């Protein structure tokens, strides 16, 4: 855990609201997320969309873990603002097991990745899109996001498009509108 002072960090503040709705996602992305959930259910899994879009307040709350406060999770994100993550653009979601949450078995995660790739999405445990998660330095197994031409994280160009034209402008640029 990153804690330069070496002192114990205070407990986390009250959790900032999580958005689990699909209405603020890019239309084509939302359709593919729904298809992934349907695949997982058809294959006997219990998917739960844990988080979709993130406000800047939510992103800063998550970024504080392991840095300003902690509850044992350690660092949960490297993105400080919602413009640094595709969640802030309506182009990423986190899907976990309804019963086992983040402690789902390997088959759940591998099937999530398989289904994401099947629908042209990128799985957070396969950032280089080669279909293998064992060669990744950083894995975010619950995370799926819109596929090409997007990069792993938003660029300064994406942030500019968001400022200038909102999420719809970014969605058009990446083909997810």
N, C-alpha and C. Protein backbone atom coordinates (compact mmCIF):
# COMPACT_ATOMS: atom_id res chain seq x y z
N UNK A 1 0.84 -1.17 0.00
CA UNK A 1 0.00 0.00 0.00
C UNK A 1 0.89 1.24 0.00
N UNK A 2 0.56 2.23 -0.80
CA UNK A 2 1.28 3.49 -0.87
C UNK A 2 0.92 4.34 0.34
N UNK A 3 1.88 4.55 1.20
CA UNK A 3 1.67 5.39 2.37
C UNK A 3 3.04 5.94 2.75
N UNK A 4 3.43 7.08 2.17
CA UNK A 4 4.78 7.59 2.36
C UNK A 4 5.14 7.92 3.80
N UNK A 5 4.16 8.26 4.62
CA UNK A 5 4.46 8.64 6.00
C UNK A 5 4.73 7.43 6.88
N UNK A 6 4.22 6.28 6.48
CA UNK A 6 4.37 5.09 7.30
C UNK A 6 3.40 5.05 8.47
N UNK A 7 2.63 6.11 8.67
CA UNK A 7 1.66 6.16 9.75
C UNK A 7 0.36 5.50 9.30
N UNK A 8 -0.41 5.04 10.26
CA UNK A 8 -1.70 4.45 9.94
C UNK A 8 -2.60 5.51 9.32
N UNK A 9 -3.31 5.12 8.29
CA UNK A 9 -4.23 6.04 7.63
C UNK A 9 -5.57 6.01 8.33
N UNK A 10 -6.30 7.13 8.35
CA UNK A 10 -7.63 7.12 8.96
C UNK A 10 -8.59 6.25 8.16
N UNK A 11 -9.68 5.87 8.78
CA UNK A 11 -10.71 5.07 8.11
C UNK A 11 -11.30 5.88 6.96
N UNK A 12 -11.87 5.17 6.01
CA UNK A 12 -12.47 5.81 4.85
C UNK A 12 -13.68 6.64 5.26
N UNK A 13 -13.91 7.75 4.56
CA UNK A 13 -15.12 8.53 4.82
C UNK A 13 -16.34 7.79 4.29
N UNK A 14 -17.49 8.37 4.47
CA UNK A 14 -18.73 7.78 3.97
C UNK A 14 -18.63 7.60 2.46
N UNK A 15 -19.03 6.45 2.01
CA UNK A 15 -18.92 6.11 0.57
C UNK A 15 -19.74 7.07 -0.28
N UNK A 16 -19.14 7.50 -1.38
CA UNK A 16 -19.84 8.33 -2.36
C UNK A 16 -20.69 7.41 -3.23
N UNK A 17 -21.88 7.84 -3.55
CA UNK A 17 -22.86 7.02 -4.27
C UNK A 17 -22.29 6.38 -5.53
N UNK A 18 -22.68 5.12 -5.73
CA UNK A 18 -22.28 4.33 -6.89
C UNK A 18 -23.41 4.37 -7.91
N UNK A 19 -23.07 4.59 -9.18
CA UNK A 19 -24.06 4.55 -10.26
C UNK A 19 -24.02 3.17 -10.89
N UNK A 20 -25.13 2.45 -10.81
CA UNK A 20 -25.22 1.11 -11.40
C UNK A 20 -26.17 1.08 -12.60
N UNK A 21 -26.68 2.25 -12.96
CA UNK A 21 -27.65 2.30 -14.06
C UNK A 21 -26.93 2.30 -15.41
N UNK A 22 -27.65 1.88 -16.43
CA UNK A 22 -27.08 1.82 -17.76
C UNK A 22 -27.44 3.04 -18.61
N UNK A 23 -28.33 3.89 -18.13
CA UNK A 23 -28.85 4.97 -18.96
C UNK A 23 -27.82 6.00 -19.39
N UNK A 24 -26.72 6.18 -18.67
CA UNK A 24 -25.72 7.18 -19.03
C UNK A 24 -24.56 6.60 -19.85
N UNK A 25 -24.68 5.33 -20.25
CA UNK A 25 -23.65 4.72 -21.08
C UNK A 25 -23.87 5.05 -22.54
N UNK A 26 -22.80 5.02 -23.32
CA UNK A 26 -22.92 5.19 -24.77
C UNK A 26 -23.86 4.11 -25.30
N UNK A 27 -24.76 4.45 -26.22
CA UNK A 27 -25.77 3.49 -26.68
C UNK A 27 -25.23 2.15 -27.18
N UNK A 28 -24.23 2.17 -28.04
CA UNK A 28 -23.69 0.90 -28.56
C UNK A 28 -22.95 0.12 -27.48
N UNK A 29 -22.31 0.84 -26.58
CA UNK A 29 -21.64 0.18 -25.47
C UNK A 29 -22.66 -0.48 -24.55
N UNK A 30 -23.74 0.25 -24.23
CA UNK A 30 -24.80 -0.30 -23.37
C UNK A 30 -25.35 -1.61 -23.96
N UNK A 31 -25.58 -1.65 -25.27
CA UNK A 31 -26.08 -2.87 -25.91
C UNK A 31 -25.11 -4.03 -25.71
N UNK A 32 -23.84 -3.76 -25.82
CA UNK A 32 -22.84 -4.82 -25.67
C UNK A 32 -22.70 -5.26 -24.22
N UNK A 33 -22.82 -4.32 -23.29
CA UNK A 33 -22.80 -4.69 -21.86
C UNK A 33 -23.98 -5.59 -21.55
N UNK A 34 -25.15 -5.24 -22.07
CA UNK A 34 -26.34 -6.08 -21.86
C UNK A 34 -26.12 -7.48 -22.46
N UNK A 35 -25.44 -7.56 -23.59
CA UNK A 35 -25.15 -8.86 -24.21
C UNK A 35 -24.18 -9.67 -23.35
N UNK A 36 -23.19 -9.02 -22.75
CA UNK A 36 -22.25 -9.71 -21.86
C UNK A 36 -23.00 -10.27 -20.65
N UNK A 37 -23.85 -9.46 -20.04
CA UNK A 37 -24.63 -9.92 -18.89
C UNK A 37 -25.50 -11.11 -19.29
N UNK A 38 -26.14 -11.02 -20.45
CA UNK A 38 -26.99 -12.13 -20.92
C UNK A 38 -26.16 -13.39 -21.15
N UNK A 39 -24.97 -13.26 -21.72
CA UNK A 39 -24.08 -14.41 -21.89
C UNK A 39 -23.79 -15.07 -20.56
N UNK A 40 -23.35 -14.26 -19.60
CA UNK A 40 -22.97 -14.81 -18.29
C UNK A 40 -24.15 -15.52 -17.64
N UNK A 41 -25.32 -14.92 -17.72
CA UNK A 41 -26.51 -15.56 -17.15
C UNK A 41 -26.83 -16.87 -17.88
N UNK A 42 -26.74 -16.87 -19.20
CA UNK A 42 -27.02 -18.08 -19.98
C UNK A 42 -26.03 -19.19 -19.66
N UNK A 43 -24.83 -18.82 -19.28
CA UNK A 43 -23.80 -19.80 -18.95
C UNK A 43 -23.78 -20.15 -17.46
N UNK A 44 -24.81 -19.71 -16.73
CA UNK A 44 -25.00 -20.12 -15.34
C UNK A 44 -24.32 -19.25 -14.29
N UNK A 45 -23.85 -18.10 -14.66
CA UNK A 45 -23.21 -17.20 -13.70
C UNK A 45 -24.21 -16.16 -13.19
N UNK A 46 -23.79 -15.42 -12.18
CA UNK A 46 -24.66 -14.43 -11.53
C UNK A 46 -24.07 -13.02 -11.62
N UNK A 47 -23.99 -12.46 -12.83
CA UNK A 47 -23.36 -11.15 -12.98
C UNK A 47 -24.16 -10.03 -12.34
N UNK A 48 -23.46 -9.05 -11.81
CA UNK A 48 -24.08 -7.88 -11.22
C UNK A 48 -23.27 -6.67 -11.69
N UNK A 49 -23.95 -5.76 -12.34
CA UNK A 49 -23.27 -4.54 -12.75
C UNK A 49 -23.06 -3.71 -11.49
N UNK A 50 -21.82 -3.67 -11.05
CA UNK A 50 -21.51 -2.98 -9.81
C UNK A 50 -21.40 -1.48 -10.00
N UNK A 51 -20.80 -1.06 -11.12
CA UNK A 51 -20.61 0.37 -11.32
C UNK A 51 -20.53 0.69 -12.80
N UNK A 52 -21.15 1.81 -13.17
CA UNK A 52 -21.10 2.26 -14.56
C UNK A 52 -20.38 3.61 -14.60
N UNK A 53 -21.09 4.69 -14.81
CA UNK A 53 -20.45 6.00 -14.89
C UNK A 53 -20.03 6.48 -13.50
N UNK A 54 -18.98 7.30 -13.49
CA UNK A 54 -18.48 7.84 -12.22
C UNK A 54 -18.43 9.35 -12.25
N UNK A 55 -18.94 9.93 -11.19
CA UNK A 55 -18.79 11.37 -11.01
C UNK A 55 -17.35 11.64 -10.58
N UNK A 56 -16.94 12.89 -10.70
CA UNK A 56 -15.60 13.24 -10.25
C UNK A 56 -15.47 13.03 -8.74
N UNK A 57 -16.54 13.31 -8.00
CA UNK A 57 -16.53 13.11 -6.55
C UNK A 57 -16.29 11.64 -6.21
N UNK A 58 -16.97 10.74 -6.92
CA UNK A 58 -16.80 9.30 -6.69
C UNK A 58 -15.38 8.87 -7.04
N UNK A 59 -14.86 9.36 -8.17
CA UNK A 59 -13.51 8.97 -8.58
C UNK A 59 -12.47 9.43 -7.56
N UNK A 60 -12.61 10.64 -7.05
CA UNK A 60 -11.67 11.14 -6.05
C UNK A 60 -11.78 10.36 -4.74
N UNK A 61 -12.99 9.95 -4.38
CA UNK A 61 -13.18 9.11 -3.19
C UNK A 61 -12.42 7.79 -3.37
N UNK A 62 -12.59 7.14 -4.53
CA UNK A 62 -11.90 5.87 -4.78
C UNK A 62 -10.38 6.05 -4.81
N UNK A 63 -9.92 7.15 -5.38
CA UNK A 63 -8.49 7.41 -5.47
C UNK A 63 -7.87 7.62 -4.09
N UNK A 64 -8.66 8.04 -3.12
CA UNK A 64 -8.14 8.27 -1.78
C UNK A 64 -7.73 7.02 -1.02
N UNK A 65 -8.26 5.86 -1.42
CA UNK A 65 -7.91 4.62 -0.72
C UNK A 65 -6.42 4.32 -0.84
N UNK A 66 -5.80 4.04 0.30
CA UNK A 66 -4.38 3.73 0.34
C UNK A 66 -3.51 4.96 0.27
N UNK A 67 -4.13 6.12 0.14
CA UNK A 67 -3.37 7.37 0.06
C UNK A 67 -3.75 8.31 1.20
N UNK A 68 -5.05 8.62 1.33
CA UNK A 68 -5.52 9.53 2.38
C UNK A 68 -6.27 8.78 3.48
N UNK A 69 -6.80 7.62 3.17
CA UNK A 69 -7.56 6.82 4.13
C UNK A 69 -7.57 5.38 3.65
N UNK A 70 -8.02 4.48 4.53
CA UNK A 70 -8.05 3.08 4.13
C UNK A 70 -9.01 2.30 5.02
N UNK A 71 -9.48 1.20 4.48
CA UNK A 71 -10.30 0.26 5.24
C UNK A 71 -9.80 -1.16 4.99
N UNK A 72 -8.55 -1.27 4.55
CA UNK A 72 -7.97 -2.58 4.26
C UNK A 72 -7.90 -2.91 2.79
N UNK A 73 -8.56 -2.12 1.94
CA UNK A 73 -8.54 -2.39 0.49
C UNK A 73 -7.22 -2.01 -0.15
N UNK A 74 -6.53 -1.04 0.41
CA UNK A 74 -5.35 -0.51 -0.25
C UNK A 74 -5.76 0.35 -1.43
N UNK A 75 -4.85 0.59 -2.34
CA UNK A 75 -5.14 1.41 -3.52
C UNK A 75 -6.14 0.68 -4.40
N UNK A 76 -7.21 1.38 -4.77
CA UNK A 76 -8.24 0.76 -5.62
C UNK A 76 -8.26 1.33 -7.03
N UNK A 77 -7.64 2.48 -7.25
CA UNK A 77 -7.57 3.05 -8.61
C UNK A 77 -6.36 3.96 -8.70
N UNK A 78 -5.84 4.07 -9.90
CA UNK A 78 -4.74 4.99 -10.15
C UNK A 78 -5.23 6.27 -10.81
N UNK A 79 -6.50 6.33 -11.16
CA UNK A 79 -7.09 7.50 -11.82
C UNK A 79 -7.63 8.46 -10.77
N UNK A 80 -7.11 9.67 -10.78
CA UNK A 80 -7.50 10.64 -9.75
C UNK A 80 -8.82 11.34 -10.07
N UNK A 81 -9.07 11.62 -11.34
CA UNK A 81 -10.30 12.31 -11.72
C UNK A 81 -11.11 11.43 -12.68
N UNK A 82 -12.38 11.75 -12.84
CA UNK A 82 -13.20 10.92 -13.72
C UNK A 82 -12.86 11.13 -15.19
N UNK A 83 -12.11 12.16 -15.53
CA UNK A 83 -11.67 12.31 -16.92
C UNK A 83 -10.44 11.45 -17.20
N UNK A 84 -9.89 10.80 -16.17
CA UNK A 84 -8.74 9.90 -16.32
C UNK A 84 -9.16 8.44 -16.48
N UNK A 85 -10.47 8.18 -16.45
CA UNK A 85 -10.97 6.81 -16.56
C UNK A 85 -12.16 6.79 -17.51
N UNK A 86 -12.31 5.71 -18.25
CA UNK A 86 -13.44 5.62 -19.19
C UNK A 86 -14.78 5.58 -18.47
N UNK A 87 -14.78 5.30 -17.16
CA UNK A 87 -16.02 5.37 -16.38
C UNK A 87 -16.60 6.79 -16.44
N UNK A 88 -15.74 7.78 -16.50
CA UNK A 88 -16.18 9.16 -16.55
C UNK A 88 -16.78 9.57 -17.89
N UNK A 89 -16.68 8.69 -18.88
CA UNK A 89 -17.15 8.97 -20.23
C UNK A 89 -18.34 8.09 -20.62
N UNK A 90 -18.80 7.24 -19.70
CA UNK A 90 -19.88 6.32 -20.03
C UNK A 90 -19.44 5.21 -20.96
N UNK A 91 -18.14 4.85 -20.88
CA UNK A 91 -17.57 3.84 -21.77
C UNK A 91 -16.89 2.70 -21.02
N UNK A 92 -17.22 2.55 -19.73
CA UNK A 92 -16.67 1.46 -18.93
C UNK A 92 -17.66 1.06 -17.85
N UNK A 93 -17.64 -0.22 -17.49
CA UNK A 93 -18.45 -0.73 -16.38
C UNK A 93 -17.62 -1.76 -15.62
N UNK A 94 -18.02 -1.97 -14.38
CA UNK A 94 -17.45 -3.04 -13.57
C UNK A 94 -18.56 -4.05 -13.31
N UNK A 95 -18.29 -5.31 -13.62
CA UNK A 95 -19.24 -6.40 -13.40
C UNK A 95 -18.61 -7.39 -12.44
N UNK A 96 -19.33 -7.72 -11.38
CA UNK A 96 -18.86 -8.69 -10.40
C UNK A 96 -19.92 -9.76 -10.21
N UNK A 97 -19.61 -10.75 -9.40
CA UNK A 97 -20.58 -11.80 -9.05
C UNK A 97 -21.54 -11.26 -8.00
N UNK A 98 -22.82 -11.47 -8.20
CA UNK A 98 -23.83 -11.00 -7.25
C UNK A 98 -23.62 -11.62 -5.87
N UNK A 99 -23.22 -12.87 -5.81
CA UNK A 99 -23.04 -13.58 -4.54
C UNK A 99 -21.62 -13.44 -4.00
N UNK A 100 -20.63 -13.64 -4.85
CA UNK A 100 -19.23 -13.69 -4.41
C UNK A 100 -18.48 -12.37 -4.56
N UNK A 101 -19.13 -11.40 -5.17
CA UNK A 101 -18.55 -10.07 -5.39
C UNK A 101 -17.21 -10.18 -6.09
N UNK A 102 -16.15 -9.57 -5.51
CA UNK A 102 -14.82 -9.58 -6.13
C UNK A 102 -14.09 -10.89 -5.88
N UNK A 103 -14.67 -11.78 -5.10
CA UNK A 103 -14.02 -13.05 -4.79
C UNK A 103 -14.58 -14.20 -5.63
N UNK A 104 -15.15 -13.86 -6.78
CA UNK A 104 -15.66 -14.89 -7.68
C UNK A 104 -14.51 -15.79 -8.13
N UNK A 105 -14.87 -16.99 -8.57
CA UNK A 105 -13.81 -17.91 -8.99
C UNK A 105 -13.24 -17.55 -10.36
N UNK A 106 -12.16 -18.20 -10.69
CA UNK A 106 -11.45 -17.96 -11.95
C UNK A 106 -12.37 -18.12 -13.16
N UNK A 107 -13.29 -19.08 -13.10
CA UNK A 107 -14.18 -19.34 -14.24
C UNK A 107 -15.09 -18.15 -14.50
N UNK A 108 -15.57 -17.52 -13.45
CA UNK A 108 -16.40 -16.32 -13.62
C UNK A 108 -15.61 -15.25 -14.38
N UNK A 109 -14.40 -14.94 -13.89
CA UNK A 109 -13.61 -13.87 -14.49
C UNK A 109 -13.21 -14.22 -15.92
N UNK A 110 -12.76 -15.43 -16.15
CA UNK A 110 -12.37 -15.82 -17.51
C UNK A 110 -13.55 -15.76 -18.47
N UNK A 111 -14.73 -16.12 -17.98
CA UNK A 111 -15.92 -16.08 -18.83
C UNK A 111 -16.33 -14.63 -19.10
N UNK A 112 -16.18 -13.77 -18.11
CA UNK A 112 -16.44 -12.35 -18.33
C UNK A 112 -15.52 -11.83 -19.44
N UNK A 113 -14.25 -12.17 -19.36
CA UNK A 113 -13.30 -11.74 -20.39
C UNK A 113 -13.64 -12.30 -21.76
N UNK A 114 -14.00 -13.58 -21.80
CA UNK A 114 -14.37 -14.23 -23.06
C UNK A 114 -15.57 -13.52 -23.69
N UNK A 115 -16.58 -13.25 -22.90
CA UNK A 115 -17.78 -12.61 -23.40
C UNK A 115 -17.49 -11.17 -23.83
N UNK A 116 -16.69 -10.44 -23.06
CA UNK A 116 -16.34 -9.07 -23.44
C UNK A 116 -15.66 -9.07 -24.80
N UNK A 117 -14.67 -9.92 -24.98
CA UNK A 117 -13.98 -10.01 -26.28
C UNK A 117 -14.95 -10.41 -27.39
N UNK A 118 -15.85 -11.34 -27.09
CA UNK A 118 -16.83 -11.81 -28.06
C UNK A 118 -17.69 -10.67 -28.61
N UNK A 119 -17.91 -9.67 -27.77
CA UNK A 119 -18.74 -8.53 -28.16
C UNK A 119 -17.93 -7.28 -28.50
N UNK A 120 -16.63 -7.47 -28.74
CA UNK A 120 -15.79 -6.36 -29.19
C UNK A 120 -15.37 -5.39 -28.11
N UNK A 121 -15.46 -5.82 -26.86
CA UNK A 121 -15.07 -4.97 -25.74
C UNK A 121 -13.70 -5.38 -25.22
N UNK A 122 -13.11 -4.53 -24.42
CA UNK A 122 -11.82 -4.82 -23.80
C UNK A 122 -12.05 -5.17 -22.34
N UNK A 123 -11.44 -6.25 -21.90
CA UNK A 123 -11.53 -6.71 -20.52
C UNK A 123 -10.32 -6.17 -19.76
N UNK A 124 -10.53 -5.68 -18.55
CA UNK A 124 -9.47 -5.08 -17.75
C UNK A 124 -8.38 -6.03 -17.28
N UNK A 125 -8.53 -7.31 -17.50
CA UNK A 125 -7.45 -8.25 -17.19
C UNK A 125 -6.74 -8.67 -18.48
N UNK A 126 -7.07 -8.01 -19.57
CA UNK A 126 -6.47 -8.30 -20.88
C UNK A 126 -6.28 -6.98 -21.62
N UNK A 127 -5.57 -6.06 -21.01
CA UNK A 127 -5.42 -4.72 -21.57
C UNK A 127 -4.78 -4.73 -22.96
N UNK A 128 -3.90 -5.68 -23.22
CA UNK A 128 -3.25 -5.68 -24.53
C UNK A 128 -4.06 -6.43 -25.59
N UNK A 129 -5.24 -6.91 -25.21
CA UNK A 129 -6.19 -7.54 -26.13
C UNK A 129 -5.63 -8.75 -26.88
N UNK A 130 -4.75 -9.50 -26.23
CA UNK A 130 -4.22 -10.69 -26.90
C UNK A 130 -4.95 -11.96 -26.46
N UNK A 131 -6.01 -11.80 -25.65
CA UNK A 131 -6.79 -12.96 -25.24
C UNK A 131 -6.21 -13.73 -24.07
N UNK A 132 -5.14 -13.22 -23.48
CA UNK A 132 -4.51 -13.89 -22.33
C UNK A 132 -4.37 -12.88 -21.20
N UNK A 133 -4.76 -13.29 -20.00
CA UNK A 133 -4.61 -12.38 -18.86
C UNK A 133 -3.33 -12.66 -18.08
N UNK A 134 -2.66 -13.77 -18.35
CA UNK A 134 -1.49 -14.13 -17.55
C UNK A 134 -0.26 -13.28 -17.85
N UNK A 135 -0.29 -12.48 -18.92
CA UNK A 135 0.87 -11.67 -19.27
C UNK A 135 0.68 -10.19 -18.92
N UNK A 136 -0.37 -9.88 -18.16
CA UNK A 136 -0.66 -8.49 -17.82
C UNK A 136 0.00 -8.11 -16.50
N UNK A 137 0.60 -6.92 -16.50
CA UNK A 137 1.23 -6.41 -15.28
C UNK A 137 0.17 -5.90 -14.30
N UNK A 138 -0.90 -5.32 -14.83
CA UNK A 138 -1.99 -4.80 -14.00
C UNK A 138 -3.30 -5.40 -14.51
N UNK A 139 -4.09 -5.94 -13.60
CA UNK A 139 -5.36 -6.54 -13.99
C UNK A 139 -6.50 -5.90 -13.21
N UNK A 140 -7.56 -5.60 -13.93
CA UNK A 140 -8.78 -5.07 -13.32
C UNK A 140 -9.89 -5.99 -13.81
N UNK A 141 -10.01 -7.16 -13.18
CA UNK A 141 -10.90 -8.21 -13.68
C UNK A 141 -12.37 -7.82 -13.81
N UNK A 142 -12.95 -6.99 -12.93
CA UNK A 142 -14.36 -6.64 -13.11
C UNK A 142 -14.61 -5.66 -14.26
N UNK A 143 -13.57 -5.00 -14.74
CA UNK A 143 -13.69 -3.89 -15.67
C UNK A 143 -13.81 -4.34 -17.13
N UNK A 144 -14.83 -3.81 -17.82
CA UNK A 144 -14.88 -3.94 -19.28
C UNK A 144 -15.14 -2.55 -19.84
N UNK A 145 -14.60 -2.30 -21.02
CA UNK A 145 -14.76 -0.99 -21.64
C UNK A 145 -14.88 -1.14 -23.15
N UNK A 146 -15.34 -0.05 -23.78
CA UNK A 146 -15.48 -0.01 -25.23
C UNK A 146 -14.12 -0.36 -25.84
N UNK A 147 -14.15 -1.00 -26.98
CA UNK A 147 -12.92 -1.46 -27.64
C UNK A 147 -12.26 -0.42 -28.51
N UNK A 148 -11.63 -0.88 -29.54
CA UNK A 148 -10.89 0.01 -30.44
C UNK A 148 -11.80 1.09 -31.00
N UNK A 149 -11.30 2.28 -31.16
CA UNK A 149 -9.89 2.70 -31.18
C UNK A 149 -9.39 3.22 -29.84
N UNK A 150 -10.11 2.95 -28.76
CA UNK A 150 -9.74 3.50 -27.46
C UNK A 150 -8.46 2.89 -26.91
N UNK A 151 -7.77 3.71 -26.13
CA UNK A 151 -6.59 3.26 -25.40
C UNK A 151 -7.04 2.75 -24.04
N UNK A 152 -6.12 2.22 -23.27
CA UNK A 152 -6.43 1.71 -21.92
C UNK A 152 -7.05 2.81 -21.06
N UNK A 153 -6.51 4.00 -21.12
CA UNK A 153 -7.02 5.14 -20.36
C UNK A 153 -7.24 6.31 -21.31
N UNK A 154 -8.14 7.21 -20.96
CA UNK A 154 -8.40 8.36 -21.84
C UNK A 154 -7.16 9.23 -22.04
N UNK A 155 -7.04 9.74 -23.24
CA UNK A 155 -5.94 10.65 -23.58
C UNK A 155 -6.36 12.09 -23.32
N UNK A 156 -5.42 13.01 -23.49
CA UNK A 156 -5.76 14.43 -23.36
C UNK A 156 -6.74 14.84 -24.45
N UNK A 157 -6.69 14.17 -25.60
CA UNK A 157 -7.65 14.44 -26.68
C UNK A 157 -9.06 14.07 -26.23
N UNK A 158 -9.21 12.92 -25.59
CA UNK A 158 -10.52 12.51 -25.09
C UNK A 158 -11.04 13.51 -24.06
N UNK A 159 -10.18 13.96 -23.16
CA UNK A 159 -10.58 14.94 -22.15
C UNK A 159 -11.01 16.25 -22.81
N UNK A 160 -10.31 16.66 -23.85
CA UNK A 160 -10.68 17.89 -24.58
C UNK A 160 -12.03 17.72 -25.26
N UNK A 161 -12.24 16.58 -25.92
CA UNK A 161 -13.53 16.32 -26.57
C UNK A 161 -14.67 16.33 -25.55
N UNK A 162 -14.41 15.76 -24.37
CA UNK A 162 -15.42 15.75 -23.31
C UNK A 162 -15.76 17.18 -22.88
N UNK A 163 -14.74 18.00 -22.67
CA UNK A 163 -14.96 19.39 -22.27
C UNK A 163 -15.71 20.17 -23.35
N UNK A 164 -15.35 19.94 -24.59
CA UNK A 164 -15.92 20.72 -25.68
C UNK A 164 -17.30 20.27 -26.13
N UNK A 165 -17.55 18.96 -26.08
CA UNK A 165 -18.81 18.47 -26.63
C UNK A 165 -19.54 17.46 -25.78
N UNK A 166 -19.06 17.23 -24.57
CA UNK A 166 -19.71 16.27 -23.68
C UNK A 166 -19.44 14.82 -24.10
N UNK A 167 -20.09 13.92 -23.36
CA UNK A 167 -19.87 12.49 -23.62
C UNK A 167 -20.28 12.11 -25.03
N UNK A 168 -21.35 12.70 -25.53
CA UNK A 168 -21.83 12.35 -26.87
C UNK A 168 -20.76 12.60 -27.93
N UNK A 169 -19.96 13.63 -27.75
CA UNK A 169 -18.88 13.93 -28.71
C UNK A 169 -17.83 12.84 -28.67
N UNK A 170 -17.46 12.39 -27.48
CA UNK A 170 -16.49 11.31 -27.34
C UNK A 170 -17.07 10.03 -27.93
N UNK A 171 -18.32 9.73 -27.64
CA UNK A 171 -18.96 8.52 -28.15
C UNK A 171 -18.91 8.48 -29.67
N UNK A 172 -19.23 9.62 -30.31
CA UNK A 172 -19.16 9.66 -31.79
C UNK A 172 -17.76 9.40 -32.27
N UNK A 173 -16.79 9.99 -31.61
CA UNK A 173 -15.38 9.85 -32.03
C UNK A 173 -14.92 8.39 -31.98
N UNK A 174 -15.36 7.64 -30.98
CA UNK A 174 -14.90 6.25 -30.84
C UNK A 174 -15.89 5.24 -31.43
N UNK A 175 -16.97 5.72 -32.03
CA UNK A 175 -17.93 4.83 -32.68
C UNK A 175 -18.91 4.15 -31.76
N UNK A 176 -19.13 4.70 -30.57
CA UNK A 176 -20.01 4.07 -29.60
C UNK A 176 -21.37 4.78 -29.48
N UNK A 177 -21.60 5.81 -30.30
CA UNK A 177 -22.86 6.58 -30.23
C UNK A 177 -24.00 5.78 -30.84
